[in-house]
Amino acid sequence: MDPQLIDQLTWAGRLLVAAAVLLGLGRLVRRWPGVAAPLAAAGGVGLVFALTVIVCFLRPVPAPEARWLFEGVRYERKVGPGRRVAHVVTIDLSSPGLKILVTPPLSVSTPTSTWQIPARRTTEFLTAYDQQLAVNANFFYRQFSHGILHYRPRTGDGVNVVGWAMSGRRLYGRQDPSMRTLWFFEDGHAEITRERRPAQHAVSGYPLLVDGRMPKAVVRADDRQPRVAAAVDRAGRRLILVVVDGRVPLYAKGATLPSLAALCLKAGAHQAIILDGGGSSTLVTRSIDGRPVILNLPVHGRIPAGYERPVANHLGFSGLRPAK
């Protein structure tokens, strides 16, 4: 059975149980109001607590999955030990019709006193630019999150990216010497370098793999978080996107940087960068009927898991043929 259908049926069952408990409490109060009122109050508090636990923590761990999203685009969901849920997309950059898009800036050159780009959720980017696959990209600033009601940016708020970004040969952002940039070229290959390249599109992040090896800073990092990585093989003809879920107790704890690098290496990566992770981590595709489908579990605000964060820029793919 489809894992998404199982997930939906599980949630429907939980809601039915909650409704039955509420109905039972209501009948108890009507029949014995003097005795049952304190019990009903205590039961109501317990029910709210139980529903909070159910909504936030008791998500069924998904089954491993492997399928072709489109011709030349392979998706795998890897469920590993220690509650690690990873989503790996491998893209053949020579796929017929493939078009790459990075979110366009507001202008070619932007003064430092203004914002470079309007924030959008990844599903909004996918829909607005008619993409078939998209992932969040650069780190950015003017951002905070204190829950799902108190956060910035919101959709449409101005933000600035960290590091270089390029859309249709339009360069924006600022060079960060500690970062590396993933460049996409017109001839259908990609490179990850520190230097600027005459490319068409680009996004930036911190180095995760350099010539197939982890930098010392990566080896020493041991905290587990939701992660996003972009990598290329030695020839620059295959792009690898890795998104790891996290911050959801009993479901997914995230990944350390060494384990993220290991996932990239296993997928064939030679160079890799870390894109914006944490609550920004979002991987989206388009279903056959045209609806955006989120492949991972975003954790913006943490409660409830599954809530998307508006972010700065995105990396999108279109022009892909249906999978055979």
C-alpha atoms as a PDB file:
ATOM      1  CA  MET A   1       0.000   0.000   0.000  1.00  0.00           C
ATOM      2  CA  ASP A   2       1.144   3.545  -0.733  1.00  0.00           C
ATOM      3  CA  PRO A   3       3.016   4.922   2.353  1.00  0.00           C
ATOM      4  CA  GLN A   4       1.263   8.278   1.994  1.00  0.00           C
ATOM      5  CA  LEU A   5      -2.129   6.509   2.062  1.00  0.00           C
ATOM      6  CA  ILE A   6      -1.083   4.585   5.174  1.00  0.00           C
ATOM      7  CA  ASP A   7      -0.056   7.870   6.801  1.00  0.00           C
ATOM      8  CA  GLN A   8      -3.421   9.464   5.959  1.00  0.00           C
ATOM      9  CA  LEU A   9      -5.371   6.463   7.262  1.00  0.00           C
ATOM     10  CA  THR A  10      -3.354   6.508  10.486  1.00  0.00           C
ATOM     11  CA  TRP A  11      -4.165  10.161  11.065  1.00  0.00           C
ATOM     12  CA  ALA A  12      -7.842   9.566  10.286  1.00  0.00           C
ATOM     13  CA  GLY A  13      -7.910   6.784  12.879  1.00  0.00           C
ATOM     14  CA  ARG A  14      -6.366   9.040  15.521  1.00  0.00           C
ATOM     15  CA  LEU A  15      -8.945  11.755  14.859  1.00  0.00           C
ATOM     16  CA  LEU A  16     -11.783   9.223  15.191  1.00  0.00           C
ATOM     17  CA  VAL A  17     -10.418   8.072  18.559  1.00  0.00           C
ATOM     18  CA  ALA A  18     -10.164  11.686  19.762  1.00  0.00           C
ATOM     19  CA  ALA A  19     -13.748  12.384  18.643  1.00  0.00           C
ATOM     20  CA  ALA A  20     -14.992   9.257  20.485  1.00  0.00           C
ATOM     21  CA  VAL A  21     -13.250  10.363  23.693  1.00  0.00           C
ATOM     22  CA  LEU A  22     -14.779  13.835  23.480  1.00  0.00           C
ATOM     23  CA  LEU A  23     -18.225  12.373  22.850  1.00  0.00           C
ATOM     24  CA  GLY A  24     -17.870  10.059  25.846  1.00  0.00           C
ATOM     25  CA  LEU A  25     -16.839  12.939  28.124  1.00  0.00           C
ATOM     26  CA  GLY A  26     -19.803  14.999  26.964  1.00  0.00           C
ATOM     27  CA  ARG A  27     -22.274  12.223  27.818  1.00  0.00           C
ATOM     28  CA  LEU A  28     -20.629  11.685  31.210  1.00  0.00           C
ATOM     29  CA  VAL A  29     -21.004  15.369  32.127  1.00  0.00           C
ATOM     30  CA  ARG A  30     -24.681  15.400  31.117  1.00  0.00           C
ATOM     31  CA  ARG A  31     -25.487  12.270  33.140  1.00  0.00           C
ATOM     32  CA  TRP A  32     -23.546  13.022  36.343  1.00  0.00           C
ATOM     33  CA  PRO A  33     -22.769  16.750  36.303  1.00  0.00           C
ATOM     34  CA  GLY A  34     -21.706  17.034  39.969  1.00  0.00           C
ATOM     35  CA  VAL A  35     -19.276  14.141  39.958  1.00  0.00           C
ATOM     36  CA  ALA A  36     -18.165  14.244  36.374  1.00  0.00           C
ATOM     37  CA  ALA A  37     -17.260  17.929  36.020  1.00  0.00           C
ATOM     38  CA  PRO A  38     -13.822  17.620  37.710  1.00  0.00           C
ATOM     39  CA  LEU A  39     -13.203  14.365  35.851  1.00  0.00           C
ATOM     40  CA  ALA A  40     -14.192  16.003  32.569  1.00  0.00           C
ATOM     41  CA  ALA A  41     -11.839  18.933  33.207  1.00  0.00           C
ATOM     42  CA  ALA A  42      -8.976  16.579  33.973  1.00  0.00           C
ATOM     43  CA  GLY A  43      -9.882  14.477  30.967  1.00  0.00           C
ATOM     44  CA  GLY A  44      -9.954  17.545  28.730  1.00  0.00           C
ATOM     45  CA  VAL A  45      -6.474  18.578  29.854  1.00  0.00           C
ATOM     46  CA  GLY A  46      -5.240  15.030  29.321  1.00  0.00           C
ATOM     47  CA  LEU A  47      -6.853  14.898  25.902  1.00  0.00           C
ATOM     48  CA  VAL A  48      -5.190  18.136  24.808  1.00  0.00           C
ATOM     49  CA  PHE A  49      -1.856  16.774  25.989  1.00  0.00           C
ATOM     50  CA  ALA A  50      -2.444  13.452  24.244  1.00  0.00           C
ATOM     51  CA  LEU A  51      -3.442  15.147  20.991  1.00  0.00           C
ATOM     52  CA  THR A  52      -0.330  17.348  21.171  1.00  0.00           C
ATOM     53  CA  VAL A  53       1.839  14.259  21.543  1.00  0.00           C
ATOM     54  CA  ILE A  54       0.005  12.530  18.689  1.00  0.00           C
ATOM     55  CA  VAL A  55       0.258  15.497  16.315  1.00  0.00           C
ATOM     56  CA  CYS A  56       3.869  16.397  17.101  1.00  0.00           C
ATOM     57  CA  PHE A  57       5.616  13.138  17.852  1.00  0.00           C
ATOM     58  CA  LEU A  58       3.738  10.003  16.854  1.00  0.00           C
ATOM     59  CA  ARG A  59       4.200  10.025  13.114  1.00  0.00           C
ATOM     60  CA  PRO A  60       4.645   6.603  11.552  1.00  0.00           C
ATOM     61  CA  VAL A  61       8.178   6.113  10.278  1.00  0.00           C
ATOM     62  CA  PRO A  62       7.934   5.763   6.487  1.00  0.00           C
ATOM     63  CA  ALA A  63       9.059   2.697   4.607  1.00  0.00           C
ATOM     64  CA  PRO A  64      12.113   2.838   2.323  1.00  0.00           C
ATOM     65  CA  GLU A  65      11.200   3.707  -1.250  1.00  0.00           C
ATOM     66  CA  ALA A  66      12.909   3.950  -4.639  1.00  0.00           C
ATOM     67  CA  ARG A  67      11.298   5.203  -7.857  1.00  0.00           C
ATOM     68  CA  TRP A  68      11.820   7.346 -10.918  1.00  0.00           C
ATOM     69  CA  LEU A  69      10.208  10.759 -10.489  1.00  0.00           C
ATOM     70  CA  PHE A  70      10.916  11.688 -14.118  1.00  0.00           C
ATOM     71  CA  GLU A  71      13.120  10.403 -16.888  1.00  0.00           C
ATOM     72  CA  GLY A  72      16.665  10.815 -15.610  1.00  0.00           C
ATOM     73  CA  VAL A  73      15.538  11.716 -12.059  1.00  0.00           C
ATOM     74  CA  ARG A  74      15.752   8.951  -9.450  1.00  0.00           C
ATOM     75  CA  TYR A  75      14.323   9.317  -5.930  1.00  0.00           C
ATOM     76  CA  GLU A  76      15.183   7.153  -2.917  1.00  0.00           C
ATOM     77  CA  ARG A  77      13.919   7.386   0.641  1.00  0.00           C
ATOM     78  CA  LYS A  78      16.462   5.753   2.914  1.00  0.00           C
ATOM     79  CA  VAL A  79      15.414   4.819   6.458  1.00  0.00           C
ATOM     80  CA  GLY A  80      18.500   4.033   8.504  1.00  0.00           C
ATOM     81  CA  PRO A  81      19.383   3.198  12.103  1.00  0.00           C
ATOM     82  CA  GLY A  82      18.979   5.807  14.807  1.00  0.00           C
ATOM     83  CA  ARG A  83      15.823   7.272  13.237  1.00  0.00           C
ATOM     84  CA  ARG A  84      17.549   8.688  10.151  1.00  0.00           C
ATOM     85  CA  VAL A  85      15.168   9.411   7.287  1.00  0.00           C
ATOM     86  CA  ALA A  86      16.988  10.618   4.181  1.00  0.00           C
ATOM     87  CA  HIS A  87      15.710  11.605   0.752  1.00  0.00           C
ATOM     88  CA  VAL A  88      18.203  11.227  -2.099  1.00  0.00           C
ATOM     89  CA  VAL A  89      17.511  12.548  -5.600  1.00  0.00           C
ATOM     90  CA  THR A  90      19.963  11.785  -8.402  1.00  0.00           C
ATOM     91  CA  ILE A  91      19.583  13.877 -11.566  1.00  0.00           C
ATOM     92  CA  ASP A  92      21.208  13.120 -14.902  1.00  0.00           C
ATOM     93  CA  LEU A  93      22.107  16.609 -16.111  1.00  0.00           C
ATOM     94  CA  SER A  94      22.084  15.386 -19.716  1.00  0.00           C
ATOM     95  CA  SER A  95      18.397  14.393 -19.511  1.00  0.00           C
ATOM     96  CA  PRO A  96      16.525  15.529 -22.653  1.00  0.00           C
ATOM     97  CA  GLY A  97      14.693  18.808 -22.118  1.00  0.00           C
ATOM     98  CA  LEU A  98      16.078  19.434 -18.624  1.00  0.00           C
ATOM     99  CA  LYS A  99      15.972  23.100 -17.596  1.00  0.00           C
ATOM    100  CA  ILE A 100      17.465  24.467 -14.388  1.00  0.00           C
ATOM    101  CA  LEU A 101      16.253  27.563 -12.562  1.00  0.00           C
ATOM    102  CA  VAL A 102      17.451  29.452  -9.512  1.00  0.00           C
ATOM    103  CA  THR A 103      15.040  32.000  -8.045  1.00  0.00           C
ATOM    104  CA  PRO A 104      15.522  35.324  -9.898  1.00  0.00           C
ATOM    105  CA  PRO A 105      16.562  38.359  -7.803  1.00  0.00           C
ATOM    106  CA  LEU A 106      14.615  41.564  -7.562  1.00  0.00           C
ATOM    107  CA  SER A 107      17.272  43.363  -9.621  1.00  0.00           C
ATOM    108  CA  VAL A 108      20.701  42.764 -11.153  1.00  0.00           C
ATOM    109  CA  SER A 109      22.570  44.848  -8.575  1.00  0.00           C
ATOM    110  CA  THR A 110      20.964  45.584  -5.239  1.00  0.00           C
ATOM    111  CA  PRO A 111      22.220  48.153  -2.702  1.00  0.00           C
ATOM    112  CA  THR A 112      23.039  46.714   0.702  1.00  0.00           C
ATOM    113  CA  SER A 113      20.254  48.807   2.244  1.00  0.00           C
ATOM    114  CA  THR A 114      17.552  46.884   0.367  1.00  0.00           C
ATOM    115  CA  TRP A 115      16.542  43.252   0.014  1.00  0.00           C
ATOM    116  CA  GLN A 116      17.636  41.028  -2.831  1.00  0.00           C
ATOM    117  CA  ILE A 117      14.735  38.640  -3.078  1.00  0.00           C
ATOM    118  CA  PRO A 118      11.192  38.012  -1.766  1.00  0.00           C
ATOM    119  CA  ALA A 119      10.795  34.992   0.513  1.00  0.00           C
ATOM    120  CA  ARG A 120       8.670  32.072  -0.720  1.00  0.00           C
ATOM    121  CA  ARG A 121       7.877  28.563   0.407  1.00  0.00           C
ATOM    122  CA  THR A 122       9.349  25.891  -1.832  1.00  0.00           C
ATOM    123  CA  THR A 123       5.887  24.807  -2.984  1.00  0.00           C
ATOM    124  CA  GLU A 124       5.140  28.434  -3.903  1.00  0.00           C
ATOM    125  CA  PHE A 125       8.338  28.634  -5.948  1.00  0.00           C
ATOM    126  CA  LEU A 126       7.477  25.351  -7.691  1.00  0.00           C
ATOM    127  CA  THR A 127       4.014  26.647  -8.617  1.00  0.00           C
ATOM    128  CA  ALA A 128       4.997  30.228  -9.500  1.00  0.00           C
ATOM    129  CA  TYR A 129       7.758  29.145 -11.911  1.00  0.00           C
ATOM    130  CA  ASP A 130       6.094  25.955 -13.191  1.00  0.00           C
ATOM    131  CA  GLN A 131       8.845  23.641 -11.925  1.00  0.00           C
ATOM    132  CA  GLN A 132       8.686  19.855 -11.585  1.00  0.00           C
ATOM    133  CA  LEU A 133      11.192  19.469  -8.759  1.00  0.00           C
ATOM    134  CA  ALA A 134      12.557  22.013  -6.290  1.00  0.00           C
ATOM    135  CA  VAL A 135      14.655  22.291  -3.145  1.00  0.00           C
ATOM    136  CA  ASN A 136      15.543  25.240  -0.919  1.00  0.00           C
ATOM    137  CA  ALA A 137      19.017  26.658  -1.571  1.00  0.00           C
ATOM    138  CA  ASN A 138      21.243  29.382  -0.016  1.00  0.00           C
ATOM    139  CA  PHE A 139      21.428  30.303   3.622  1.00  0.00           C
ATOM    140  CA  PHE A 140      19.844  33.715   4.161  1.00  0.00           C
ATOM    141  CA  TYR A 141      19.291  36.402   6.762  1.00  0.00           C
ATOM    142  CA  ARG A 142      16.504  38.379   8.308  1.00  0.00           C
ATOM    143  CA  GLN A 143      15.168  35.154   9.721  1.00  0.00           C
ATOM    144  CA  PHE A 144      13.968  33.944  13.118  1.00  0.00           C
ATOM    145  CA  SER A 145      11.492  31.344  14.304  1.00  0.00           C
ATOM    146  CA  HIS A 146       9.760  31.169  17.676  1.00  0.00           C
ATOM    147  CA  GLY A 147       6.928  28.886  16.624  1.00  0.00           C
ATOM    148  CA  ILE A 148       4.440  28.774  13.776  1.00  0.00           C
ATOM    149  CA  LEU A 149       2.798  32.092  14.768  1.00  0.00           C
ATOM    150  CA  HIS A 150       5.891  34.198  15.500  1.00  0.00           C
ATOM    151  CA  TYR A 151       8.480  34.009  12.726  1.00  0.00           C
ATOM    152  CA  ARG A 152      10.125  35.882   9.885  1.00  0.00           C
ATOM    153  CA  PRO A 153      10.272  35.944   6.963  1.00  0.00           C
ATOM    154  CA  ARG A 154       6.724  35.468   5.819  1.00  0.00           C
ATOM    155  CA  THR A 155       5.889  34.992   2.154  1.00  0.00           C
ATOM    156  CA  GLY A 156       6.773  38.189   0.281  1.00  0.00           C
ATOM    157  CA  ASP A 157       9.128  39.600   2.929  1.00  0.00           C
ATOM    158  CA  GLY A 158      12.467  40.786   1.580  1.00  0.00           C
ATOM    159  CA  VAL A 159      15.549  38.720   2.435  1.00  0.00           C
ATOM    160  CA  ASN A 160      19.217  38.496   1.428  1.00  0.00           C
ATOM    161  CA  VAL A 161      21.086  35.323   0.495  1.00  0.00           C
ATOM    162  CA  VAL A 162      24.442  34.358   2.001  1.00  0.00           C
ATOM    163  CA  GLY A 163      27.081  33.626  -0.629  1.00  0.00           C
ATOM    164  CA  TRP A 164      26.781  33.877  -4.381  1.00  0.00           C
ATOM    165  CA  ALA A 165      23.633  32.986  -6.299  1.00  0.00           C
ATOM    166  CA  MET A 166      22.967  33.272 -10.020  1.00  0.00           C
ATOM    167  CA  SER A 167      19.789  33.122 -12.071  1.00  0.00           C
ATOM    168  CA  GLY A 168      19.950  33.369 -15.858  1.00  0.00           C
ATOM    169  CA  ARG A 169      23.517  34.768 -15.650  1.00  0.00           C
ATOM    170  CA  ARG A 170      22.345  37.414 -13.160  1.00  0.00           C
ATOM    171  CA  LEU A 171      24.650  37.252 -10.158  1.00  0.00           C
ATOM    172  CA  TYR A 172      23.360  38.310  -6.766  1.00  0.00           C
ATOM    173  CA  GLY A 173      24.384  37.833  -3.160  1.00  0.00           C
ATOM    174  CA  ARG A 174      27.901  38.360  -1.867  1.00  0.00           C
ATOM    175  CA  GLN A 175      30.950  36.162  -2.019  1.00  0.00           C
ATOM    176  CA  ASP A 176      31.680  34.394   1.266  1.00  0.00           C
ATOM    177  CA  PRO A 177      35.278  33.079   1.285  1.00  0.00           C
ATOM    178  CA  SER A 178      34.268  30.142   3.492  1.00  0.00           C
ATOM    179  CA  MET A 179      31.664  28.975   0.967  1.00  0.00           C
ATOM    180  CA  ARG A 180      31.767  27.117  -2.337  1.00  0.00           C
ATOM    181  CA  THR A 181      29.384  27.601  -5.234  1.00  0.00           C
ATOM    182  CA  LEU A 182      27.546  25.059  -7.373  1.00  0.00           C
ATOM    183  CA  TRP A 183      27.629  26.379 -10.966  1.00  0.00           C
ATOM    184  CA  PHE A 184      25.372  25.105 -13.763  1.00  0.00           C
ATOM    185  CA  PHE A 185      26.637  25.569 -17.326  1.00  0.00           C
ATOM    186  CA  GLU A 186      24.885  25.786 -20.650  1.00  0.00           C
ATOM    187  CA  ASP A 187      26.486  22.581 -21.954  1.00  0.00           C
ATOM    188  CA  GLY A 188      24.743  20.494 -19.284  1.00  0.00           C
ATOM    189  CA  HIS A 189      27.417  20.001 -16.651  1.00  0.00           C
ATOM    190  CA  ALA A 190      27.969  21.430 -13.183  1.00  0.00           C
ATOM    191  CA  GLU A 191      30.957  22.301 -10.999  1.00  0.00           C
ATOM    192  CA  ILE A 192      31.480  23.162  -7.355  1.00  0.00           C
ATOM    193  CA  THR A 193      34.280  25.714  -6.900  1.00  0.00           C
ATOM    194  CA  ARG A 194      35.311  28.637  -4.744  1.00  0.00           C
ATOM    195  CA  GLU A 195      36.026  30.820  -7.804  1.00  0.00           C
ATOM    196  CA  ARG A 196      33.447  32.532  -9.970  1.00  0.00           C
ATOM    197  CA  ARG A 197      32.512  30.781 -13.210  1.00  0.00           C
ATOM    198  CA  PRO A 198      30.739  31.997 -16.419  1.00  0.00           C
ATOM    199  CA  ALA A 199      27.665  29.889 -15.693  1.00  0.00           C
ATOM    200  CA  GLN A 200      23.916  30.257 -16.132  1.00  0.00           C
ATOM    201  CA  HIS A 201      22.725  29.438 -12.626  1.00  0.00           C
ATOM    202  CA  ALA A 202      24.350  28.976  -9.235  1.00  0.00           C
ATOM    203  CA  VAL A 203      23.709  28.440  -5.524  1.00  0.00           C
ATOM    204  CA  SER A 204      26.186  28.443  -2.640  1.00  0.00           C
ATOM    205  CA  GLY A 205      26.826  26.576   0.594  1.00  0.00           C
ATOM    206  CA  TYR A 206      29.554  25.434   2.944  1.00  0.00           C
ATOM    207  CA  PRO A 207      31.941  22.680   1.769  1.00  0.00           C
ATOM    208  CA  LEU A 208      30.895  19.150   2.689  1.00  0.00           C
ATOM    209  CA  LEU A 209      33.116  17.157   0.307  1.00  0.00           C
ATOM    210  CA  VAL A 210      36.231  18.457  -1.435  1.00  0.00           C
ATOM    211  CA  ASP A 211      37.643  16.042  -4.003  1.00  0.00           C
ATOM    212  CA  GLY A 212      35.859  13.168  -2.307  1.00  0.00           C
ATOM    213  CA  ARG A 213      37.101  14.001   1.199  1.00  0.00           C
ATOM    214  CA  MET A 214      35.495  15.661   4.197  1.00  0.00           C
ATOM    215  CA  PRO A 215      37.081  18.896   5.471  1.00  0.00           C
ATOM    216  CA  LYS A 216      38.236  18.795   9.104  1.00  0.00           C
ATOM    217  CA  ALA A 217      35.360  21.022  10.208  1.00  0.00           C
ATOM    218  CA  VAL A 218      32.909  18.473   8.793  1.00  0.00           C
ATOM    219  CA  VAL A 219      34.632  15.502  10.446  1.00  0.00           C
ATOM    220  CA  ARG A 220      34.441  17.209  13.855  1.00  0.00           C
ATOM    221  CA  ALA A 221      30.737  18.150  13.620  1.00  0.00           C
ATOM    222  CA  ASP A 222      28.622  15.727  15.671  1.00  0.00           C
ATOM    223  CA  ASP A 223      25.249  17.450  16.150  1.00  0.00           C
ATOM    224  CA  ARG A 224      22.240  15.937  14.397  1.00  0.00           C
ATOM    225  CA  GLN A 225      19.969  18.320  12.515  1.00  0.00           C
ATOM    226  CA  PRO A 226      17.727  18.391   9.437  1.00  0.00           C
ATOM    227  CA  ARG A 227      20.143  18.774   6.539  1.00  0.00           C
ATOM    228  CA  VAL A 228      20.261  19.656   2.841  1.00  0.00           C
ATOM    229  CA  ALA A 229      23.207  18.944   0.566  1.00  0.00           C
ATOM    230  CA  ALA A 230      23.903  19.349  -3.149  1.00  0.00           C
ATOM    231  CA  ALA A 231      26.678  17.356  -4.808  1.00  0.00           C
ATOM    232  CA  VAL A 232      28.118  16.463  -8.198  1.00  0.00           C
ATOM    233  CA  ASP A 233      30.047  13.432  -9.417  1.00  0.00           C
ATOM    234  CA  ARG A 234      33.631  13.621 -10.667  1.00  0.00           C
ATOM    235  CA  ALA A 235      32.535  14.357 -14.256  1.00  0.00           C
ATOM    236  CA  GLY A 236      29.988  16.983 -13.231  1.00  0.00           C
ATOM    237  CA  ARG A 237      27.255  15.195 -15.179  1.00  0.00           C
ATOM    238  CA  ARG A 238      25.196  13.956 -12.245  1.00  0.00           C
ATOM    239  CA  LEU A 239      23.653  16.150  -9.567  1.00  0.00           C
ATOM    240  CA  ILE A 240      22.829  14.617  -6.188  1.00  0.00           C
ATOM    241  CA  LEU A 241      20.410  16.258  -3.748  1.00  0.00           C
ATOM    242  CA  VAL A 242      20.205  14.907  -0.193  1.00  0.00           C
ATOM    243  CA  VAL A 243      17.580  16.077   2.316  1.00  0.00           C
ATOM    244  CA  VAL A 244      17.517  14.544   5.811  1.00  0.00           C
ATOM    245  CA  ASP A 245      14.544  14.895   8.164  1.00  0.00           C
ATOM    246  CA  GLY A 246      15.048  15.779  11.831  1.00  0.00           C
ATOM    247  CA  ARG A 247      13.833  17.518  15.011  1.00  0.00           C
ATOM    248  CA  VAL A 248      10.826  15.184  15.249  1.00  0.00           C
ATOM    249  CA  PRO A 249      11.177  12.891  18.290  1.00  0.00           C
ATOM    250  CA  LEU A 250      10.284   9.239  17.674  1.00  0.00           C
ATOM    251  CA  TYR A 251      10.361   9.892  13.899  1.00  0.00           C
ATOM    252  CA  ALA A 252      13.652  11.421  12.753  1.00  0.00           C
ATOM    253  CA  LYS A 253      16.610  12.890  14.640  1.00  0.00           C
ATOM    254  CA  GLY A 254      18.480  14.360  11.685  1.00  0.00           C
ATOM    255  CA  ALA A 255      22.033  13.698  10.534  1.00  0.00           C
ATOM    256  CA  THR A 256      25.525  14.755  11.520  1.00  0.00           C
ATOM    257  CA  LEU A 257      27.662  16.353   8.837  1.00  0.00           C
ATOM    258  CA  PRO A 258      29.870  13.230   8.513  1.00  0.00           C
ATOM    259  CA  SER A 259      26.808  11.035   7.975  1.00  0.00           C
ATOM    260  CA  LEU A 260      25.438  13.548   5.449  1.00  0.00           C
ATOM    261  CA  ALA A 261      28.756  13.427   3.601  1.00  0.00           C
ATOM    262  CA  ALA A 262      28.667   9.615   3.717  1.00  0.00           C
ATOM    263  CA  LEU A 263      25.235   9.637   2.072  1.00  0.00           C
ATOM    264  CA  CYS A 264      26.608  11.845  -0.705  1.00  0.00           C
ATOM    265  CA  LEU A 265      29.659   9.620  -1.189  1.00  0.00           C
ATOM    266  CA  LYS A 266      27.504   6.505  -1.383  1.00  0.00           C
ATOM    267  CA  ALA A 267      25.443   8.201  -4.101  1.00  0.00           C
ATOM    268  CA  GLY A 268      28.599   8.871  -6.136  1.00  0.00           C
ATOM    269  CA  ALA A 269      29.495  12.430  -5.109  1.00  0.00           C
ATOM    270  CA  HIS A 270      32.964  13.906  -5.570  1.00  0.00           C
ATOM    271  CA  GLN A 271      32.222  17.501  -4.533  1.00  0.00           C
ATOM    272  CA  ALA A 272      29.404  18.572  -2.196  1.00  0.00           C
ATOM    273  CA  ILE A 273      28.112  21.629  -0.362  1.00  0.00           C
ATOM    274  CA  ILE A 274      25.759  22.107   2.571  1.00  0.00           C
ATOM    275  CA  LEU A 275      22.695  24.179   1.709  1.00  0.00           C
ATOM    276  CA  ASP A 276      20.357  25.797   4.240  1.00  0.00           C
ATOM    277  CA  GLY A 277      19.061  23.051   6.536  1.00  0.00           C
ATOM    278  CA  GLY A 278      17.112  23.033   9.782  1.00  0.00           C
ATOM    279  CA  GLY A 279      13.575  24.332   9.431  1.00  0.00           C
ATOM    280  CA  SER A 280      14.293  25.432   5.849  1.00  0.00           C
ATOM    281  CA  SER A 281      14.801  21.864   4.568  1.00  0.00           C
ATOM    282  CA  THR A 282      12.149  21.219   1.920  1.00  0.00           C
ATOM    283  CA  LEU A 283      12.099  18.945  -1.118  1.00  0.00           C
ATOM    284  CA  VAL A 284       9.087  19.219  -3.426  1.00  0.00           C
ATOM    285  CA  THR A 285       7.991  17.544  -6.641  1.00  0.00           C
ATOM    286  CA  ARG A 286       4.946  17.849  -8.883  1.00  0.00           C
ATOM    287  CA  SER A 287       2.482  14.984  -9.085  1.00  0.00           C
ATOM    288  CA  ILE A 288       0.930  13.675 -12.302  1.00  0.00           C
ATOM    289  CA  ASP A 289      -2.154  15.835 -11.726  1.00  0.00           C
ATOM    290  CA  GLY A 290      -0.003  18.957 -11.224  1.00  0.00           C
ATOM    291  CA  ARG A 291      -0.175  19.274  -7.432  1.00  0.00           C
ATOM    292  CA  PRO A 292       2.968  20.092  -5.398  1.00  0.00           C
ATOM    293  CA  VAL A 293       3.978  17.095  -3.274  1.00  0.00           C
ATOM    294  CA  ILE A 294       6.411  17.540  -0.375  1.00  0.00           C
ATOM    295  CA  LEU A 295       8.733  14.535  -0.260  1.00  0.00           C
ATOM    296  CA  ASN A 296      10.363  15.208   3.118  1.00  0.00           C
ATOM    297  CA  LEU A 297       8.994  16.398   6.478  1.00  0.00           C
ATOM    298  CA  PRO A 298       9.649  20.152   6.981  1.00  0.00           C
ATOM    299  CA  VAL A 299       9.958  21.324  10.596  1.00  0.00           C
ATOM    300  CA  HIS A 300       9.573  25.095  10.503  1.00  0.00           C
ATOM    301  CA  GLY A 301       8.395  26.009  13.998  1.00  0.00           C
ATOM    302  CA  ARG A 302       8.618  22.279  14.888  1.00  0.00           C
ATOM    303  CA  ILE A 303       4.998  22.118  16.028  1.00  0.00           C
ATOM    304  CA  PRO A 304       3.305  20.712  14.059  1.00  0.00           C
ATOM    305  CA  ALA A 305       5.881  18.982  11.891  1.00  0.00           C
ATOM    306  CA  GLY A 306       5.175  19.395   8.191  1.00  0.00           C
ATOM    307  CA  TYR A 307       4.851  23.200   8.185  1.00  0.00           C
ATOM    308  CA  GLU A 308       6.936  24.872   5.441  1.00  0.00           C
ATOM    309  CA  ARG A 309       9.210  27.854   5.985  1.00  0.00           C
ATOM    310  CA  PRO A 310       9.371  30.726   3.466  1.00  0.00           C
ATOM    311  CA  VAL A 311      13.028  30.894   2.398  1.00  0.00           C
ATOM    312  CA  ALA A 312      15.179  33.046   0.136  1.00  0.00           C
ATOM    313  CA  ASN A 313      16.019  31.195  -3.063  1.00  0.00           C
ATOM    314  CA  HIS A 314      15.465  27.768  -4.540  1.00  0.00           C
ATOM    315  CA  LEU A 315      16.912  25.369  -7.059  1.00  0.00           C
ATOM    316  CA  GLY A 316      14.317  24.116  -9.531  1.00  0.00           C
ATOM    317  CA  PHE A 317      14.088  21.692 -12.445  1.00  0.00           C
ATOM    318  CA  SER A 318      11.605  21.543 -15.324  1.00  0.00           C
ATOM    319  CA  GLY A 319      11.232  20.265 -18.893  1.00  0.00           C
ATOM    320  CA  LEU A 320      11.521  16.679 -17.668  1.00  0.00           C
ATOM    321  CA  ARG A 321       9.772  13.802 -19.361  1.00  0.00           C
ATOM    322  CA  PRO A 322       7.495  11.432 -17.425  1.00  0.00           C
ATOM    323  CA  ALA A 323       9.211   8.374 -16.003  1.00  0.00           C
ATOM    324  CA  LYS A 324       8.845   5.249 -18.130  1.00  0.00           C
END
